[in-house]
Each structure stands twice: as C-alpha cells, then as structure tokens.
C-alpha cells in the first residue's frame, strides 16, 4: 500500500497484520527506506530475533522515538552521537596577524 511506501510527517501509525515472523520482516523491509522501525511486543525473545533482520538505521523495542545524542552513529538515520557532531562540523583554520607581524615578501 502507498502508506507503507512513503514518508509521512505527523503522528501516524501504520499497522498491518502478519501470520509469520518471516512475513513481518518482509513487510518491514518492503518499504525500501526505513530510517526507524518500532517493534511492540510482549515477547522480548521475538523482538531480539526480529530486530537484527529489519533494515533500518535504528530499531526501538517497546519504546518511542526517544533520541539520545550519546547514542552511537547509525541510529536514527545517522543523526545521533559523535558521528552527528563530526558529520555536521566543518573544521576551518583562521590565521590572524598581529599589528607587529612582518609580511614576508617573496622574491623581493
């Protein structure tokens, strides 16, 4: 369905039934792009089995999207952790001459 194929901004919950764990993983991975995934279950062993198979940058189990800037890169579409700071940082060098600094004259 289209609702599973496109990004939707806003509080929208997309839910579909499944019969097997394999089908659930196939449905989750059929989107083609999943920056995040959420598993809600009372069976944590099932969540541990399924989470590594879901192709998303970050997967939450029985939790909402509570970001943590100390999280390792790769979570939330690589938008968290030190990787976030490094990615968005542009290191530059600025040299400032003082009033008494001689200006070298090359070739003079």
N, C-alpha and C. Protein backbone atom coordinates (compact mmCIF):
# COMPACT_ATOMS: atom_id res chain seq x y z
N UNK A 1 0.83 -1.18 0.00
CA UNK A 1 0.00 0.00 0.00
C UNK A 1 0.88 1.25 0.00
N UNK A 2 0.36 2.30 -0.56
CA UNK A 2 1.09 3.55 -0.67
C UNK A 2 1.53 4.09 0.69
N UNK A 3 0.69 3.95 1.70
CA UNK A 3 1.00 4.49 3.02
C UNK A 3 2.26 3.84 3.61
N UNK A 4 2.59 2.62 3.18
CA UNK A 4 3.79 1.95 3.66
C UNK A 4 5.02 2.28 2.82
N UNK A 5 4.85 2.93 1.71
CA UNK A 5 5.95 3.21 0.80
C UNK A 5 6.48 4.64 0.90
N UNK A 6 5.74 5.54 1.53
CA UNK A 6 6.13 6.95 1.55
C UNK A 6 6.33 7.44 2.98
N UNK A 7 7.23 8.41 3.13
CA UNK A 7 7.42 9.05 4.43
C UNK A 7 6.21 9.92 4.73
N UNK A 8 5.77 9.85 5.95
CA UNK A 8 4.62 10.64 6.37
C UNK A 8 5.04 11.40 7.62
N UNK A 9 4.90 12.72 7.58
CA UNK A 9 5.21 13.52 8.75
C UNK A 9 3.94 13.68 9.58
N UNK A 10 4.12 13.56 10.86
CA UNK A 10 2.97 13.70 11.74
C UNK A 10 2.77 12.45 12.56
N UNK A 11 1.91 12.51 13.49
CA UNK A 11 1.64 11.32 14.32
C UNK A 11 0.75 10.33 13.57
N UNK A 12 1.39 9.46 12.81
CA UNK A 12 0.66 8.45 12.03
C UNK A 12 1.22 7.08 12.38
N UNK A 13 0.36 6.15 12.68
CA UNK A 13 0.76 4.79 12.98
C UNK A 13 0.32 3.90 11.83
N UNK A 14 1.29 3.25 11.19
CA UNK A 14 0.98 2.32 10.10
C UNK A 14 1.06 0.90 10.65
N UNK A 15 -0.04 0.18 10.56
CA UNK A 15 -0.12 -1.16 11.13
C UNK A 15 -0.70 -2.11 10.09
N UNK A 16 -0.13 -3.30 10.01
CA UNK A 16 -0.68 -4.32 9.13
C UNK A 16 -0.51 -5.68 9.80
N UNK A 17 -1.47 -6.56 9.64
CA UNK A 17 -1.36 -7.89 10.27
C UNK A 17 -0.37 -8.78 9.52
N UNK A 18 0.15 -9.78 10.21
CA UNK A 18 1.05 -10.76 9.60
C UNK A 18 0.81 -12.11 10.26
N UNK A 19 1.19 -13.17 9.56
CA UNK A 19 0.98 -14.52 10.08
C UNK A 19 2.25 -15.14 10.63
N UNK A 20 3.40 -14.83 10.02
CA UNK A 20 4.66 -15.42 10.46
C UNK A 20 5.69 -14.32 10.71
N UNK A 21 6.73 -14.65 11.46
CA UNK A 21 7.80 -13.68 11.68
C UNK A 21 8.48 -13.31 10.37
N UNK A 22 8.63 -14.28 9.49
CA UNK A 22 9.25 -14.02 8.19
C UNK A 22 8.44 -13.00 7.40
N UNK A 23 7.12 -13.13 7.46
CA UNK A 23 6.24 -12.19 6.76
C UNK A 23 6.36 -10.80 7.38
N UNK A 24 6.45 -10.73 8.70
CA UNK A 24 6.58 -9.44 9.38
C UNK A 24 7.86 -8.73 8.95
N UNK A 25 8.97 -9.46 8.87
CA UNK A 25 10.24 -8.88 8.44
C UNK A 25 10.15 -8.45 6.98
N UNK A 26 9.55 -9.28 6.14
CA UNK A 26 9.40 -8.94 4.72
C UNK A 26 8.57 -7.67 4.55
N UNK A 27 7.50 -7.53 5.31
CA UNK A 27 6.68 -6.32 5.25
C UNK A 27 7.47 -5.10 5.70
N UNK A 28 8.23 -5.25 6.78
CA UNK A 28 9.01 -4.13 7.30
C UNK A 28 10.08 -3.69 6.30
N UNK A 29 10.69 -4.65 5.63
CA UNK A 29 11.77 -4.33 4.70
C UNK A 29 11.29 -3.96 3.31
N UNK A 30 10.02 -4.10 3.03
CA UNK A 30 9.48 -3.82 1.70
C UNK A 30 9.36 -2.32 1.40
N UNK A 31 9.59 -1.48 2.41
CA UNK A 31 9.43 -0.05 2.20
C UNK A 31 10.54 0.53 1.33
N UNK A 32 11.71 -0.10 1.31
CA UNK A 32 12.81 0.42 0.53
C UNK A 32 13.63 1.45 1.27
N UNK A 33 13.09 2.06 2.27
CA UNK A 33 13.83 3.03 3.09
C UNK A 33 13.17 3.11 4.45
N UNK A 34 13.91 2.77 5.48
CA UNK A 34 13.35 2.82 6.82
C UNK A 34 14.38 3.39 7.78
N UNK A 35 14.33 4.70 8.00
CA UNK A 35 15.28 5.26 8.95
C UNK A 35 15.04 4.74 10.37
N UNK A 36 13.79 4.44 10.69
CA UNK A 36 13.49 3.90 12.01
C UNK A 36 12.44 2.81 11.91
N UNK A 37 12.47 1.93 12.89
CA UNK A 37 11.46 0.87 12.99
C UNK A 37 11.11 0.70 14.47
N UNK A 38 9.89 0.28 14.72
CA UNK A 38 9.41 0.08 16.09
C UNK A 38 8.80 -1.30 16.19
N UNK A 39 9.22 -2.03 17.20
CA UNK A 39 8.63 -3.34 17.49
C UNK A 39 7.90 -3.24 18.83
N UNK A 40 6.62 -3.53 18.80
CA UNK A 40 5.84 -3.54 20.03
C UNK A 40 5.38 -4.97 20.26
N UNK A 41 5.84 -5.56 21.36
CA UNK A 41 5.53 -6.95 21.63
C UNK A 41 5.67 -7.24 23.12
N UNK A 42 4.96 -8.25 23.58
CA UNK A 42 5.14 -8.73 24.95
C UNK A 42 6.17 -9.86 24.97
N UNK A 43 6.65 -10.27 23.80
CA UNK A 43 7.61 -11.36 23.67
C UNK A 43 8.99 -10.78 23.30
N UNK A 44 9.81 -10.49 24.31
CA UNK A 44 11.11 -9.88 24.04
C UNK A 44 12.06 -10.81 23.29
N UNK A 45 11.88 -12.11 23.44
CA UNK A 45 12.70 -13.04 22.65
C UNK A 45 12.40 -12.88 21.17
N UNK A 46 11.14 -12.69 20.84
CA UNK A 46 10.75 -12.46 19.44
C UNK A 46 11.39 -11.16 18.94
N UNK A 47 11.34 -10.12 19.76
CA UNK A 47 11.94 -8.83 19.36
C UNK A 47 13.43 -9.00 19.11
N UNK A 48 14.10 -9.76 19.95
CA UNK A 48 15.54 -9.99 19.75
C UNK A 48 15.82 -10.77 18.47
N UNK A 49 14.92 -11.63 18.09
CA UNK A 49 15.09 -12.38 16.83
C UNK A 49 14.85 -11.48 15.63
N UNK A 50 13.82 -10.65 15.70
CA UNK A 50 13.40 -9.87 14.54
C UNK A 50 14.21 -8.59 14.32
N UNK A 51 14.57 -7.90 15.38
CA UNK A 51 15.22 -6.59 15.24
C UNK A 51 16.45 -6.61 14.32
N UNK A 52 17.35 -7.57 14.43
CA UNK A 52 18.52 -7.56 13.55
C UNK A 52 18.18 -7.77 12.07
N UNK A 53 17.01 -8.32 11.78
CA UNK A 53 16.62 -8.60 10.40
C UNK A 53 15.93 -7.42 9.73
N UNK A 54 15.53 -6.45 10.51
CA UNK A 54 14.83 -5.29 9.96
C UNK A 54 15.85 -4.28 9.45
N UNK A 55 15.71 -3.90 8.20
CA UNK A 55 16.66 -2.98 7.55
C UNK A 55 16.30 -1.54 7.88
N UNK A 56 16.76 -1.09 9.03
CA UNK A 56 16.53 0.30 9.44
C UNK A 56 17.79 0.78 10.14
N UNK A 57 17.95 2.08 10.18
CA UNK A 57 19.11 2.64 10.85
C UNK A 57 19.00 2.48 12.36
N UNK A 58 17.78 2.50 12.88
CA UNK A 58 17.55 2.34 14.31
C UNK A 58 16.23 1.60 14.50
N UNK A 59 16.22 0.74 15.50
CA UNK A 59 15.01 -0.01 15.83
C UNK A 59 14.75 0.12 17.32
N UNK A 60 13.55 0.56 17.67
CA UNK A 60 13.15 0.65 19.06
C UNK A 60 12.23 -0.52 19.38
N UNK A 61 12.40 -1.09 20.57
CA UNK A 61 11.54 -2.18 21.03
C UNK A 61 10.76 -1.66 22.23
N UNK A 62 9.43 -1.69 22.09
CA UNK A 62 8.52 -1.24 23.15
C UNK A 62 8.87 0.16 23.66
N UNK A 63 9.25 1.02 22.76
CA UNK A 63 9.62 2.38 23.12
C UNK A 63 9.34 3.30 21.95
N UNK A 64 9.21 4.57 22.25
CA UNK A 64 9.00 5.55 21.20
C UNK A 64 10.34 6.14 20.77
N UNK A 65 10.31 7.07 19.89
CA UNK A 65 11.50 7.68 19.32
C UNK A 65 12.14 8.66 20.30
N UNK A 66 12.78 8.13 21.31
CA UNK A 66 13.44 8.97 22.30
C UNK A 66 14.91 9.04 21.96
N UNK A 67 15.31 10.11 21.28
CA UNK A 67 16.68 10.25 20.83
C UNK A 67 17.64 10.51 21.97
N UNK A 68 18.87 10.10 21.79
CA UNK A 68 19.93 10.32 22.75
C UNK A 68 21.17 10.70 21.97
N UNK A 69 21.65 11.93 22.15
CA UNK A 69 22.80 12.39 21.38
C UNK A 69 24.07 11.63 21.71
N UNK A 70 24.05 10.80 22.75
CA UNK A 70 25.21 9.98 23.07
C UNK A 70 25.12 8.62 22.40
N UNK A 71 24.04 8.36 21.68
CA UNK A 71 23.89 7.08 21.00
C UNK A 71 24.93 6.97 19.90
N UNK A 72 25.28 5.75 19.56
CA UNK A 72 26.32 5.55 18.56
C UNK A 72 25.82 5.96 17.18
N UNK A 73 26.75 6.34 16.27
CA UNK A 73 26.34 6.65 14.91
C UNK A 73 25.65 5.45 14.28
N UNK A 74 24.75 5.72 13.41
CA UNK A 74 23.99 4.64 12.78
C UNK A 74 22.57 4.61 13.28
N UNK A 75 22.35 5.18 14.44
CA UNK A 75 20.99 5.21 14.93
C UNK A 75 20.26 6.40 14.35
N UNK A 76 18.98 6.28 14.21
CA UNK A 76 18.12 7.35 13.71
C UNK A 76 18.65 7.97 12.44
N UNK A 77 18.99 7.16 11.49
CA UNK A 77 19.47 7.68 10.22
C UNK A 77 20.79 8.39 10.32
N UNK A 78 21.62 7.95 11.22
CA UNK A 78 22.95 8.51 11.45
C UNK A 78 22.88 9.95 11.94
N UNK A 79 21.85 10.28 12.67
CA UNK A 79 21.67 11.64 13.14
C UNK A 79 21.98 11.80 14.63
N UNK A 80 22.50 10.77 15.29
CA UNK A 80 22.77 10.86 16.71
C UNK A 80 24.25 10.60 16.99
N UNK A 81 24.68 10.92 18.19
CA UNK A 81 26.00 10.58 18.66
C UNK A 81 27.10 11.46 18.10
N UNK A 82 28.34 11.05 18.40
CA UNK A 82 29.51 11.79 17.95
C UNK A 82 29.56 11.88 16.44
N UNK A 83 29.06 10.85 15.75
CA UNK A 83 29.03 10.89 14.30
C UNK A 83 28.23 12.07 13.79
N UNK A 84 27.17 12.44 14.49
CA UNK A 84 26.36 13.60 14.13
C UNK A 84 27.19 14.87 14.22
N UNK A 85 27.89 15.02 15.32
CA UNK A 85 28.71 16.22 15.50
C UNK A 85 29.80 16.27 14.44
N UNK A 86 30.47 15.15 14.20
CA UNK A 86 31.53 15.11 13.19
C UNK A 86 30.99 15.40 11.80
N UNK A 87 29.84 14.83 11.47
CA UNK A 87 29.27 15.00 10.13
C UNK A 87 28.93 16.46 9.85
N UNK A 88 28.37 17.13 10.84
CA UNK A 88 27.91 18.50 10.63
C UNK A 88 28.97 19.55 10.99
N UNK A 89 30.16 19.10 11.36
CA UNK A 89 31.22 20.04 11.71
C UNK A 89 32.13 20.25 10.51
N UNK A 90 32.39 21.50 10.20
CA UNK A 90 33.34 21.83 9.14
C UNK A 90 34.52 22.52 9.82
N UNK A 91 35.61 21.79 9.95
CA UNK A 91 36.79 22.33 10.61
C UNK A 91 37.47 23.32 9.68
N UNK A 92 37.83 24.48 10.24
CA UNK A 92 38.50 25.51 9.46
C UNK A 92 39.62 26.10 10.29
N UNK A 93 40.62 26.60 9.61
CA UNK A 93 41.73 27.27 10.27
C UNK A 93 41.70 28.73 9.90
N UNK A 94 41.84 29.58 10.89
CA UNK A 94 41.86 31.02 10.66
C UNK A 94 43.16 31.56 11.25
N UNK A 95 43.97 32.22 10.43
CA UNK A 95 45.21 32.84 10.88
C UNK A 95 44.97 34.33 10.99
N UNK A 96 45.33 34.90 12.11
CA UNK A 96 45.17 36.33 12.32
C UNK A 96 46.54 36.92 12.66
N UNK A 97 47.00 37.85 11.84
CA UNK A 97 48.28 38.50 12.09
C UNK A 97 48.10 39.65 13.06
N UNK A 98 49.03 39.76 14.00
CA UNK A 98 49.01 40.88 14.92
C UNK A 98 49.58 42.11 14.24
N UNK A 99 49.45 43.25 14.88
CA UNK A 99 49.92 44.51 14.30
C UNK A 99 51.41 44.50 13.98
N UNK A 100 52.23 43.81 14.77
CA UNK A 100 53.67 43.85 14.60
C UNK A 100 54.21 42.72 13.74
N UNK A 101 53.35 41.94 13.15
CA UNK A 101 53.81 40.81 12.35
C UNK A 101 54.31 41.29 11.00
N UNK A 102 55.57 40.94 10.63
CA UNK A 102 56.07 41.35 9.32
C UNK A 102 55.41 40.52 8.22
N UNK A 103 55.14 41.14 7.11
CA UNK A 103 54.57 40.46 5.97
C UNK A 103 55.73 40.03 5.06
N UNK A 104 55.93 38.72 4.88
CA UNK A 104 57.06 38.30 4.06
C UNK A 104 56.86 38.70 2.60
N UNK A 105 57.96 39.07 1.94
CA UNK A 105 57.91 39.46 0.55
C UNK A 105 58.74 38.46 -0.21
N UNK A 106 58.05 37.55 -0.86
CA UNK A 106 58.75 36.52 -1.60
C UNK A 106 59.26 37.07 -2.93
N UNK A 107 60.53 36.78 -3.23
CA UNK A 107 61.11 37.18 -4.49
C UNK A 107 61.51 38.63 -4.56
N UNK A 108 61.44 39.35 -3.45
CA UNK A 108 61.81 40.77 -3.49
C UNK A 108 63.23 40.97 -3.04
